[in-house]
């Protein structure tokens, strides 16, 4: 299993204000689904931050997203470890397969693979 990128998720309704603020740091909007906006560095595209008021299909908003090459293998390892699965493994309409797990600090991590 390899990690492709890690993205902090900021829960906020201030989309425009965050777009402008992170623009001062060199980030540009690369995705906006209406409920989540992702900003990335043009020079290092995997350097990203996402802004969302709430998650579209999950009961909680994740604190971080970790894209992996094989979400099914990670899900199996996490389940075997006994860690708390917060949102079940599922395919989403926007092209990802994902689940949420709670880390030992109580943070919710969105683990995903693009399909």
C-alpha atoms as a PDB file:
ATOM      1  CA  UNK A   1       0.000   0.000   0.000  1.00  0.00           C
ATOM      2  CA  UNK A   2       1.283   3.452  -0.821  1.00  0.00           C
ATOM      3  CA  UNK A   3       0.038   6.918   0.064  1.00  0.00           C
ATOM      4  CA  UNK A   4      -0.568   9.196  -2.915  1.00  0.00           C
ATOM      5  CA  UNK A   5      -1.437  12.403  -1.044  1.00  0.00           C
ATOM      6  CA  UNK A   6      -2.673  13.782   2.259  1.00  0.00           C
ATOM      7  CA  UNK A   7      -5.143  16.677   2.304  1.00  0.00           C
ATOM      8  CA  UNK A   8      -6.289  18.598   5.386  1.00  0.00           C
ATOM      9  CA  UNK A   9     -10.044  19.223   5.367  1.00  0.00           C
ATOM     10  CA  UNK A  10     -11.254  22.496   6.870  1.00  0.00           C
ATOM     11  CA  UNK A  11     -14.894  22.566   7.945  1.00  0.00           C
ATOM     12  CA  UNK A  12     -16.152  26.027   6.987  1.00  0.00           C
ATOM     13  CA  UNK A  13     -19.009  27.776   5.224  1.00  0.00           C
ATOM     14  CA  UNK A  14     -16.685  30.643   4.198  1.00  0.00           C
ATOM     15  CA  UNK A  15     -15.803  29.295   0.747  1.00  0.00           C
ATOM     16  CA  UNK A  16     -14.969  32.586  -0.957  1.00  0.00           C
ATOM     17  CA  UNK A  17     -13.023  33.934   2.017  1.00  0.00           C
ATOM     18  CA  UNK A  18     -10.956  30.743   2.191  1.00  0.00           C
ATOM     19  CA  UNK A  19     -10.370  30.768  -1.580  1.00  0.00           C
ATOM     20  CA  UNK A  20      -9.032  34.316  -1.290  1.00  0.00           C
ATOM     21  CA  UNK A  21      -6.943  33.630   1.831  1.00  0.00           C
ATOM     22  CA  UNK A  22      -5.305  30.464   0.509  1.00  0.00           C
ATOM     23  CA  UNK A  23      -4.810  32.261  -2.806  1.00  0.00           C
ATOM     24  CA  UNK A  24      -2.479  34.607  -0.906  1.00  0.00           C
ATOM     25  CA  UNK A  25      -0.386  31.504  -0.116  1.00  0.00           C
ATOM     26  CA  UNK A  26      -0.302  30.479  -3.785  1.00  0.00           C
ATOM     27  CA  UNK A  27      -3.177  27.967  -3.860  1.00  0.00           C
ATOM     28  CA  UNK A  28      -5.658  27.847  -6.749  1.00  0.00           C
ATOM     29  CA  UNK A  29      -9.062  26.165  -6.972  1.00  0.00           C
ATOM     30  CA  UNK A  30      -8.748  22.802  -8.741  1.00  0.00           C
ATOM     31  CA  UNK A  31     -12.101  21.222  -7.792  1.00  0.00           C
ATOM     32  CA  UNK A  32     -15.470  22.489  -6.619  1.00  0.00           C
ATOM     33  CA  UNK A  33     -18.395  20.093  -6.272  1.00  0.00           C
ATOM     34  CA  UNK A  34     -20.613  22.652  -4.559  1.00  0.00           C
ATOM     35  CA  UNK A  35     -20.161  21.016  -1.137  1.00  0.00           C
ATOM     36  CA  UNK A  36     -16.363  20.642  -1.207  1.00  0.00           C
ATOM     37  CA  UNK A  37     -13.727  22.870  -2.756  1.00  0.00           C
ATOM     38  CA  UNK A  38     -10.103  21.798  -3.164  1.00  0.00           C
ATOM     39  CA  UNK A  39      -7.263  24.254  -3.607  1.00  0.00           C
ATOM     40  CA  UNK A  40      -3.822  23.160  -4.816  1.00  0.00           C
ATOM     41  CA  UNK A  41      -0.381  24.541  -5.444  1.00  0.00           C
ATOM     42  CA  UNK A  42       0.236  24.977  -9.193  1.00  0.00           C
ATOM     43  CA  UNK A  43       3.906  24.066  -8.749  1.00  0.00           C
ATOM     44  CA  UNK A  44       3.237  21.046  -6.473  1.00  0.00           C
ATOM     45  CA  UNK A  45      -0.269  19.759  -7.337  1.00  0.00           C
ATOM     46  CA  UNK A  46      -0.408  17.239  -4.487  1.00  0.00           C
ATOM     47  CA  UNK A  47      -0.022  20.089  -1.956  1.00  0.00           C
ATOM     48  CA  UNK A  48      -3.717  20.680  -1.314  1.00  0.00           C
ATOM     49  CA  UNK A  49      -6.312  21.862   1.180  1.00  0.00           C
ATOM     50  CA  UNK A  50     -10.065  21.219   1.018  1.00  0.00           C
ATOM     51  CA  UNK A  51     -12.849  23.398   2.402  1.00  0.00           C
ATOM     52  CA  UNK A  52     -16.329  22.022   3.131  1.00  0.00           C
ATOM     53  CA  UNK A  53     -19.245  22.947   5.375  1.00  0.00           C
ATOM     54  CA  UNK A  54     -20.136  19.251   5.793  1.00  0.00           C
ATOM     55  CA  UNK A  55     -19.597  15.974   3.986  1.00  0.00           C
ATOM     56  CA  UNK A  56     -22.236  15.167   1.367  1.00  0.00           C
ATOM     57  CA  UNK A  57     -22.802  11.478   2.185  1.00  0.00           C
ATOM     58  CA  UNK A  58     -21.238  10.893   5.605  1.00  0.00           C
ATOM     59  CA  UNK A  59     -22.451  11.576   9.147  1.00  0.00           C
ATOM     60  CA  UNK A  60     -19.319  13.588  10.046  1.00  0.00           C
ATOM     61  CA  UNK A  61     -16.887  15.882   8.272  1.00  0.00           C
ATOM     62  CA  UNK A  62     -13.419  14.314   8.080  1.00  0.00           C
ATOM     63  CA  UNK A  63     -10.413  16.191   9.444  1.00  0.00           C
ATOM     64  CA  UNK A  64      -8.070  14.810   6.790  1.00  0.00           C
ATOM     65  CA  UNK A  65      -8.173  12.832   3.552  1.00  0.00           C
ATOM     66  CA  UNK A  66      -5.541  10.235   2.725  1.00  0.00           C
ATOM     67  CA  UNK A  67      -5.494   8.946  -0.845  1.00  0.00           C
ATOM     68  CA  UNK A  68      -4.023   5.447  -1.123  1.00  0.00           C
ATOM     69  CA  UNK A  69      -3.442   3.121  -4.043  1.00  0.00           C
ATOM     70  CA  UNK A  70      -5.633   0.291  -2.612  1.00  0.00           C
ATOM     71  CA  UNK A  71      -8.429   1.418  -0.309  1.00  0.00           C
ATOM     72  CA  UNK A  72      -9.795  -2.122   0.023  1.00  0.00           C
ATOM     73  CA  UNK A  73      -6.498  -3.404   1.437  1.00  0.00           C
ATOM     74  CA  UNK A  74      -6.277  -0.473   3.859  1.00  0.00           C
ATOM     75  CA  UNK A  75      -9.896  -1.016   4.925  1.00  0.00           C
ATOM     76  CA  UNK A  76      -9.154  -4.695   5.662  1.00  0.00           C
ATOM     77  CA  UNK A  77      -6.074  -3.779   7.724  1.00  0.00           C
ATOM     78  CA  UNK A  78      -7.953  -1.088   9.656  1.00  0.00           C
ATOM     79  CA  UNK A  79     -10.853  -3.430  10.420  1.00  0.00           C
ATOM     80  CA  UNK A  80      -8.430  -6.124  11.577  1.00  0.00           C
ATOM     81  CA  UNK A  81      -6.758  -3.604  13.907  1.00  0.00           C
ATOM     82  CA  UNK A  82     -10.056  -2.881  15.638  1.00  0.00           C
ATOM     83  CA  UNK A  83      -9.997   0.855  14.877  1.00  0.00           C
ATOM     84  CA  UNK A  84     -13.396   2.545  14.750  1.00  0.00           C
ATOM     85  CA  UNK A  85     -14.886   2.730  11.252  1.00  0.00           C
ATOM     86  CA  UNK A  86     -16.947   5.934  11.250  1.00  0.00           C
ATOM     87  CA  UNK A  87     -18.322   5.672   7.685  1.00  0.00           C
ATOM     88  CA  UNK A  88     -18.470   2.380   5.751  1.00  0.00           C
ATOM     89  CA  UNK A  89     -16.461   1.527   2.658  1.00  0.00           C
ATOM     90  CA  UNK A  90     -18.451   2.605  -0.390  1.00  0.00           C
ATOM     91  CA  UNK A  91     -18.229   3.923  -3.931  1.00  0.00           C
ATOM     92  CA  UNK A  92     -19.231   7.567  -4.277  1.00  0.00           C
ATOM     93  CA  UNK A  93     -20.869   9.187  -7.297  1.00  0.00           C
ATOM     94  CA  UNK A  94     -17.954  11.625  -7.754  1.00  0.00           C
ATOM     95  CA  UNK A  95     -15.511   8.829  -8.583  1.00  0.00           C
ATOM     96  CA  UNK A  96     -13.920   7.721  -5.330  1.00  0.00           C
ATOM     97  CA  UNK A  97     -14.134   4.615  -3.165  1.00  0.00           C
ATOM     98  CA  UNK A  98     -13.724   5.547   0.501  1.00  0.00           C
ATOM     99  CA  UNK A  99     -14.309   4.957   4.176  1.00  0.00           C
ATOM    100  CA  UNK A 100     -13.739   6.995   7.352  1.00  0.00           C
ATOM    101  CA  UNK A 101     -11.763   5.803  10.371  1.00  0.00           C
ATOM    102  CA  UNK A 102     -11.123   7.503  13.725  1.00  0.00           C
ATOM    103  CA  UNK A 103      -7.441   7.841  14.656  1.00  0.00           C
ATOM    104  CA  UNK A 104      -6.155   7.434  18.251  1.00  0.00           C
ATOM    105  CA  UNK A 105      -6.455  11.218  18.788  1.00  0.00           C
ATOM    106  CA  UNK A 106     -10.130  11.191  17.824  1.00  0.00           C
ATOM    107  CA  UNK A 107      -9.627  12.735  14.379  1.00  0.00           C
ATOM    108  CA  UNK A 108     -11.709  11.368  11.507  1.00  0.00           C
ATOM    109  CA  UNK A 109      -9.668  10.296   8.478  1.00  0.00           C
ATOM    110  CA  UNK A 110     -11.239   9.886   5.017  1.00  0.00           C
ATOM    111  CA  UNK A 111      -9.298   7.069   3.313  1.00  0.00           C
ATOM    112  CA  UNK A 112      -9.892   6.927  -0.434  1.00  0.00           C
ATOM    113  CA  UNK A 113      -8.874   5.710  -3.861  1.00  0.00           C
ATOM    114  CA  UNK A 114      -9.963   7.336  -7.115  1.00  0.00           C
ATOM    115  CA  UNK A 115     -11.756   4.816  -9.337  1.00  0.00           C
END
